[in-house]
Amino acid sequence: MAEKIDTRRRGLLGTGALMLAAAQLGASGAANAQTAAPKAAPLPPVKPGSHTSFASLKQINAGLLNVGYAEDGPADGPPVILLHGWPNDIHSFVDVTPLLASRGYRVIVPYLRG
């Protein structure tokens, strides 16, 4: 038997999980705008497909929802959240994540379902 999907409930669960993740990651504080990007050495060239996995995979239990995510970079660095769309997954960012982490950013890539 097919069940009707309650989109309002799904949206509420997704919003709750996102709020919980933001609170745990310290993203609920005020953001600081930067007027100019700091000067840095050029990034090394990256051959697509040269990275095949992430340095760290973690999970957050958000009630009924368990969200997996990849994390790289210093814990006190400015956070960058990379979001993928369907049909892709977190591996869409496997090459760019180490580059951002090498620049001092805390990179978070949640595994989004559906």
N, C-alpha and C. Protein backbone atom coordinates (compact mmCIF):
# COMPACT_ATOMS: atom_id res chain seq x y z
N MET A 1 0.82 -1.18 0.00
CA MET A 1 0.00 0.00 0.00
C MET A 1 0.87 1.25 0.00
N ALA A 2 0.59 2.16 -0.88
CA ALA A 2 1.36 3.40 -0.94
C ALA A 2 0.85 4.38 0.11
N GLU A 3 1.79 5.02 0.78
CA GLU A 3 1.43 6.02 1.78
C GLU A 3 1.66 7.40 1.19
N LYS A 4 0.80 8.33 1.55
CA LYS A 4 0.95 9.70 1.09
C LYS A 4 2.05 10.37 1.90
N ILE A 5 2.96 11.07 1.23
CA ILE A 5 4.07 11.74 1.90
C ILE A 5 3.59 13.09 2.43
N ASP A 6 3.82 13.30 3.71
CA ASP A 6 3.46 14.57 4.34
C ASP A 6 4.64 15.52 4.17
N THR A 7 4.59 16.40 3.16
CA THR A 7 5.72 17.28 2.86
C THR A 7 5.96 18.31 3.97
N ARG A 8 4.91 18.72 4.67
CA ARG A 8 5.10 19.67 5.77
C ARG A 8 5.91 19.03 6.89
N ARG A 9 5.60 17.79 7.20
CA ARG A 9 6.33 17.08 8.25
C ARG A 9 7.78 16.86 7.84
N ARG A 10 8.00 16.48 6.60
CA ARG A 10 9.36 16.27 6.09
C ARG A 10 10.16 17.58 6.17
N GLY A 11 9.54 18.68 5.79
CA GLY A 11 10.21 19.99 5.86
C GLY A 11 10.53 20.38 7.28
N LEU A 12 9.62 20.08 8.21
CA LEU A 12 9.85 20.39 9.62
C LEU A 12 11.01 19.57 10.17
N LEU A 13 11.06 18.28 9.83
CA LEU A 13 12.16 17.43 10.29
C LEU A 13 13.50 17.91 9.71
N GLY A 14 13.49 18.27 8.45
CA GLY A 14 14.72 18.76 7.81
C GLY A 14 15.20 20.05 8.43
N THR A 15 14.27 20.97 8.70
CA THR A 15 14.62 22.24 9.33
C THR A 15 15.15 22.01 10.74
N GLY A 16 14.51 21.11 11.48
CA GLY A 16 14.97 20.81 12.84
C GLY A 16 16.37 20.21 12.84
N ALA A 17 16.64 19.30 11.91
CA ALA A 17 17.97 18.68 11.82
C ALA A 17 19.02 19.72 11.46
N LEU A 18 18.69 20.62 10.53
CA LEU A 18 19.62 21.66 10.13
C LEU A 18 19.90 22.62 11.29
N MET A 19 18.88 22.97 12.05
CA MET A 19 19.07 23.86 13.20
C MET A 19 19.94 23.20 14.26
N LEU A 20 19.71 21.92 14.50
CA LEU A 20 20.51 21.20 15.48
C LEU A 20 21.97 21.12 15.04
N ALA A 21 22.19 20.83 13.77
CA ALA A 21 23.56 20.77 13.25
C ALA A 21 24.24 22.13 13.36
N ALA A 22 23.52 23.21 13.03
CA ALA A 22 24.09 24.55 13.11
C ALA A 22 24.44 24.91 14.55
N ALA A 23 23.60 24.53 15.50
CA ALA A 23 23.88 24.82 16.90
C ALA A 23 25.09 24.05 17.38
N GLN A 24 25.22 22.78 16.96
CA GLN A 24 26.36 21.97 17.39
C GLN A 24 27.65 22.44 16.75
N LEU A 25 27.59 23.00 15.57
CA LEU A 25 28.78 23.44 14.87
C LEU A 25 29.15 24.89 15.16
N GLY A 26 28.38 25.54 16.00
CA GLY A 26 28.70 26.91 16.38
C GLY A 26 28.33 27.94 15.32
N ALA A 27 27.48 27.56 14.39
CA ALA A 27 27.12 28.48 13.32
C ALA A 27 26.00 29.42 13.72
N SER A 28 25.53 29.34 14.96
CA SER A 28 24.43 30.19 15.37
C SER A 28 24.89 31.59 15.77
N GLY A 29 26.20 31.82 15.87
CA GLY A 29 26.73 33.13 16.20
C GLY A 29 26.64 34.07 15.01
N ALA A 30 27.02 35.32 15.22
CA ALA A 30 26.99 36.31 14.15
C ALA A 30 28.12 36.05 13.16
N ALA A 31 27.83 36.28 11.91
CA ALA A 31 28.84 36.10 10.86
C ALA A 31 29.60 37.41 10.69
N ASN A 32 30.88 37.32 10.41
CA ASN A 32 31.70 38.49 10.16
C ASN A 32 31.95 38.61 8.67
N ALA A 33 31.54 39.73 8.10
CA ALA A 33 31.76 39.96 6.68
C ALA A 33 33.19 40.42 6.46
N GLN A 34 33.77 40.02 5.37
CA GLN A 34 35.11 40.44 5.00
C GLN A 34 35.00 41.29 3.75
N THR A 35 35.74 42.40 3.72
CA THR A 35 35.67 43.28 2.57
C THR A 35 36.62 42.84 1.46
N ALA A 36 37.73 42.21 1.82
CA ALA A 36 38.68 41.75 0.81
C ALA A 36 39.27 40.42 1.23
N ALA A 37 39.47 39.56 0.28
CA ALA A 37 40.06 38.27 0.58
C ALA A 37 41.54 38.45 0.88
N PRO A 38 42.06 37.71 1.86
CA PRO A 38 43.48 37.84 2.18
C PRO A 38 44.33 37.29 1.03
N LYS A 39 45.50 37.91 0.84
CA LYS A 39 46.43 37.45 -0.19
C LYS A 39 47.03 36.13 0.25
N ALA A 40 47.07 35.17 -0.64
CA ALA A 40 47.62 33.86 -0.32
C ALA A 40 48.34 33.32 -1.54
N ALA A 41 49.18 32.35 -1.30
CA ALA A 41 49.89 31.71 -2.39
C ALA A 41 48.89 31.01 -3.31
N PRO A 42 49.21 30.91 -4.59
CA PRO A 42 48.29 30.21 -5.50
C PRO A 42 48.10 28.76 -5.07
N LEU A 43 46.90 28.27 -5.31
CA LEU A 43 46.60 26.88 -4.97
C LEU A 43 47.29 25.94 -5.96
N PRO A 44 47.70 24.79 -5.48
CA PRO A 44 48.30 23.83 -6.41
C PRO A 44 47.24 23.29 -7.37
N PRO A 45 47.64 22.94 -8.58
CA PRO A 45 46.65 22.38 -9.51
C PRO A 45 46.13 21.04 -8.98
N VAL A 46 44.84 20.83 -9.19
CA VAL A 46 44.21 19.59 -8.73
C VAL A 46 43.72 18.82 -9.95
N LYS A 47 44.14 17.60 -10.06
CA LYS A 47 43.66 16.74 -11.13
C LYS A 47 42.37 16.11 -10.64
N PRO A 48 41.24 16.36 -11.32
CA PRO A 48 39.97 15.77 -10.87
C PRO A 48 40.09 14.26 -10.72
N GLY A 49 39.57 13.76 -9.62
CA GLY A 49 39.62 12.34 -9.35
C GLY A 49 40.86 11.89 -8.61
N SER A 50 41.75 12.85 -8.27
CA SER A 50 42.97 12.46 -7.56
C SER A 50 42.70 12.15 -6.09
N HIS A 51 41.62 12.68 -5.55
CA HIS A 51 41.21 12.36 -4.18
C HIS A 51 40.01 11.42 -4.26
N THR A 52 40.02 10.40 -3.42
CA THR A 52 38.92 9.43 -3.48
C THR A 52 38.14 9.32 -2.18
N SER A 53 38.63 9.93 -1.10
CA SER A 53 37.91 9.86 0.17
C SER A 53 38.22 11.10 1.00
N PHE A 54 37.47 11.26 2.09
CA PHE A 54 37.64 12.37 3.01
C PHE A 54 38.49 11.95 4.19
N ALA A 55 39.14 12.94 4.82
CA ALA A 55 39.98 12.65 5.98
C ALA A 55 39.15 12.21 7.18
N SER A 56 37.96 12.79 7.35
CA SER A 56 37.16 12.51 8.54
C SER A 56 35.68 12.42 8.18
N LEU A 57 35.03 11.31 8.54
CA LEU A 57 33.59 11.17 8.38
C LEU A 57 32.97 11.04 9.76
N LYS A 58 31.91 11.80 10.03
CA LYS A 58 31.27 11.82 11.34
C LYS A 58 29.76 11.72 11.17
N GLN A 59 29.05 11.59 12.30
CA GLN A 59 27.59 11.53 12.29
C GLN A 59 27.02 12.32 13.45
N ILE A 60 25.83 12.88 13.22
CA ILE A 60 25.08 13.59 14.25
C ILE A 60 23.72 12.92 14.36
N ASN A 61 23.32 12.55 15.57
CA ASN A 61 21.97 12.04 15.80
C ASN A 61 21.06 13.22 16.09
N ALA A 62 20.08 13.42 15.22
CA ALA A 62 19.13 14.53 15.37
C ALA A 62 17.73 13.94 15.52
N GLY A 63 17.48 13.35 16.67
CA GLY A 63 16.19 12.72 16.89
C GLY A 63 16.06 11.47 16.05
N LEU A 64 15.07 11.44 15.17
CA LEU A 64 14.87 10.29 14.30
C LEU A 64 15.83 10.28 13.11
N LEU A 65 16.47 11.40 12.87
CA LEU A 65 17.34 11.53 11.71
C LEU A 65 18.80 11.45 12.13
N ASN A 66 19.57 10.64 11.42
CA ASN A 66 21.00 10.52 11.65
C ASN A 66 21.69 11.08 10.41
N VAL A 67 22.45 12.18 10.57
CA VAL A 67 23.07 12.86 9.44
C VAL A 67 24.57 12.60 9.45
N GLY A 68 25.08 12.05 8.36
CA GLY A 68 26.51 11.86 8.21
C GLY A 68 27.12 13.07 7.52
N TYR A 69 28.39 13.36 7.83
CA TYR A 69 29.05 14.49 7.18
C TYR A 69 30.56 14.29 7.18
N ALA A 70 31.21 14.90 6.22
CA ALA A 70 32.66 14.92 6.14
C ALA A 70 33.13 16.24 6.71
N GLU A 71 34.27 16.21 7.38
CA GLU A 71 34.81 17.43 7.99
C GLU A 71 36.32 17.46 7.77
N ASP A 72 36.84 18.64 7.47
CA ASP A 72 38.27 18.81 7.27
C ASP A 72 38.64 20.24 7.65
N GLY A 73 39.89 20.45 7.96
CA GLY A 73 40.38 21.78 8.31
C GLY A 73 40.40 22.00 9.80
N PRO A 74 40.94 23.15 10.24
CA PRO A 74 41.05 23.44 11.67
C PRO A 74 39.68 23.70 12.30
N ALA A 75 39.51 23.23 13.53
CA ALA A 75 38.22 23.38 14.24
C ALA A 75 37.87 24.84 14.48
N ASP A 76 38.88 25.72 14.57
CA ASP A 76 38.61 27.13 14.85
C ASP A 76 38.63 27.99 13.58
N GLY A 77 38.72 27.36 12.41
CA GLY A 77 38.73 28.11 11.16
C GLY A 77 37.34 28.59 10.79
N PRO A 78 37.26 29.56 9.86
CA PRO A 78 35.95 30.01 9.40
C PRO A 78 35.21 28.84 8.73
N PRO A 79 33.96 28.59 9.12
CA PRO A 79 33.25 27.43 8.56
C PRO A 79 32.78 27.65 7.13
N VAL A 80 32.90 26.61 6.34
CA VAL A 80 32.38 26.56 4.98
C VAL A 80 31.54 25.30 4.89
N ILE A 81 30.27 25.44 4.51
CA ILE A 81 29.39 24.28 4.37
C ILE A 81 29.13 24.08 2.88
N LEU A 82 29.51 22.90 2.38
CA LEU A 82 29.32 22.57 0.98
C LEU A 82 28.12 21.64 0.86
N LEU A 83 27.10 22.05 0.10
CA LEU A 83 25.87 21.28 -0.05
C LEU A 83 25.76 20.72 -1.46
N HIS A 84 25.44 19.45 -1.57
CA HIS A 84 25.28 18.82 -2.88
C HIS A 84 23.80 18.68 -3.19
N GLY A 85 23.51 18.42 -4.43
CA GLY A 85 22.14 18.19 -4.87
C GLY A 85 21.99 16.78 -5.41
N TRP A 86 20.76 16.39 -5.64
CA TRP A 86 20.51 15.06 -6.15
C TRP A 86 20.85 15.03 -7.63
N PRO A 87 21.46 14.05 -8.16
CA PRO A 87 21.77 12.72 -7.64
C PRO A 87 23.19 12.62 -7.07
N ASN A 88 23.85 13.72 -6.85
CA ASN A 88 25.22 13.70 -6.35
C ASN A 88 25.27 13.39 -4.86
N ASP A 89 26.47 13.18 -4.33
CA ASP A 89 26.65 12.99 -2.89
C ASP A 89 27.88 13.77 -2.44
N ILE A 90 28.34 13.52 -1.22
CA ILE A 90 29.44 14.30 -0.67
C ILE A 90 30.72 14.19 -1.50
N HIS A 91 30.85 13.15 -2.28
CA HIS A 91 32.07 12.97 -3.07
C HIS A 91 32.17 13.97 -4.22
N SER A 92 31.14 14.77 -4.44
CA SER A 92 31.22 15.86 -5.41
C SER A 92 32.28 16.88 -4.99
N PHE A 93 32.58 16.93 -3.70
CA PHE A 93 33.51 17.92 -3.16
C PHE A 93 34.82 17.32 -2.66
N VAL A 94 35.11 16.07 -3.01
CA VAL A 94 36.29 15.39 -2.48
C VAL A 94 37.60 16.05 -2.94
N ASP A 95 37.60 16.71 -4.09
CA ASP A 95 38.81 17.37 -4.57
C ASP A 95 38.98 18.79 -4.03
N VAL A 96 37.88 19.50 -3.79
CA VAL A 96 37.97 20.89 -3.35
C VAL A 96 38.13 21.02 -1.83
N THR A 97 37.64 20.03 -1.08
CA THR A 97 37.71 20.10 0.38
C THR A 97 39.13 20.26 0.92
N PRO A 98 40.12 19.48 0.47
CA PRO A 98 41.48 19.67 1.00
C PRO A 98 42.08 21.03 0.63
N LEU A 99 41.67 21.59 -0.50
CA LEU A 99 42.17 22.91 -0.88
C LEU A 99 41.67 23.98 0.08
N LEU A 100 40.38 23.93 0.40
CA LEU A 100 39.83 24.90 1.35
C LEU A 100 40.44 24.70 2.74
N ALA A 101 40.59 23.46 3.16
CA ALA A 101 41.18 23.18 4.47
C ALA A 101 42.62 23.67 4.54
N SER A 102 43.36 23.58 3.44
CA SER A 102 44.75 24.05 3.44
C SER A 102 44.83 25.56 3.58
N ARG A 103 43.74 26.26 3.27
CA ARG A 103 43.67 27.72 3.43
C ARG A 103 43.17 28.13 4.81
N GLY A 104 42.93 27.14 5.70
CA GLY A 104 42.51 27.45 7.05
C GLY A 104 41.01 27.42 7.30
N TYR A 105 40.23 26.99 6.32
CA TYR A 105 38.78 26.91 6.50
C TYR A 105 38.39 25.58 7.13
N ARG A 106 37.35 25.62 7.96
CA ARG A 106 36.75 24.39 8.49
C ARG A 106 35.66 24.00 7.51
N VAL A 107 35.87 22.92 6.80
CA VAL A 107 34.97 22.50 5.73
C VAL A 107 34.05 21.40 6.24
N ILE A 108 32.75 21.60 6.06
CA ILE A 108 31.74 20.63 6.49
C ILE A 108 30.89 20.29 5.27
N VAL A 109 30.78 18.98 4.98
CA VAL A 109 30.01 18.51 3.83
C VAL A 109 28.99 17.50 4.32
N PRO A 110 27.74 17.93 4.59
CA PRO A 110 26.73 16.97 5.06
C PRO A 110 26.23 16.09 3.93
N TYR A 111 25.97 14.84 4.26
CA TYR A 111 25.41 13.89 3.30
C TYR A 111 23.89 14.08 3.31
N LEU A 112 23.37 14.73 2.26
CA LEU A 112 21.94 15.06 2.20
C LEU A 112 21.19 13.94 1.51
N ARG A 113 20.09 13.56 2.09
CA ARG A 113 19.29 12.48 1.54
C ARG A 113 18.22 13.01 0.60
N GLY A 114 18.03 12.29 -0.48
CA GLY A 114 16.94 12.60 -1.42
C GLY A 114 17.05 13.96 -1.97
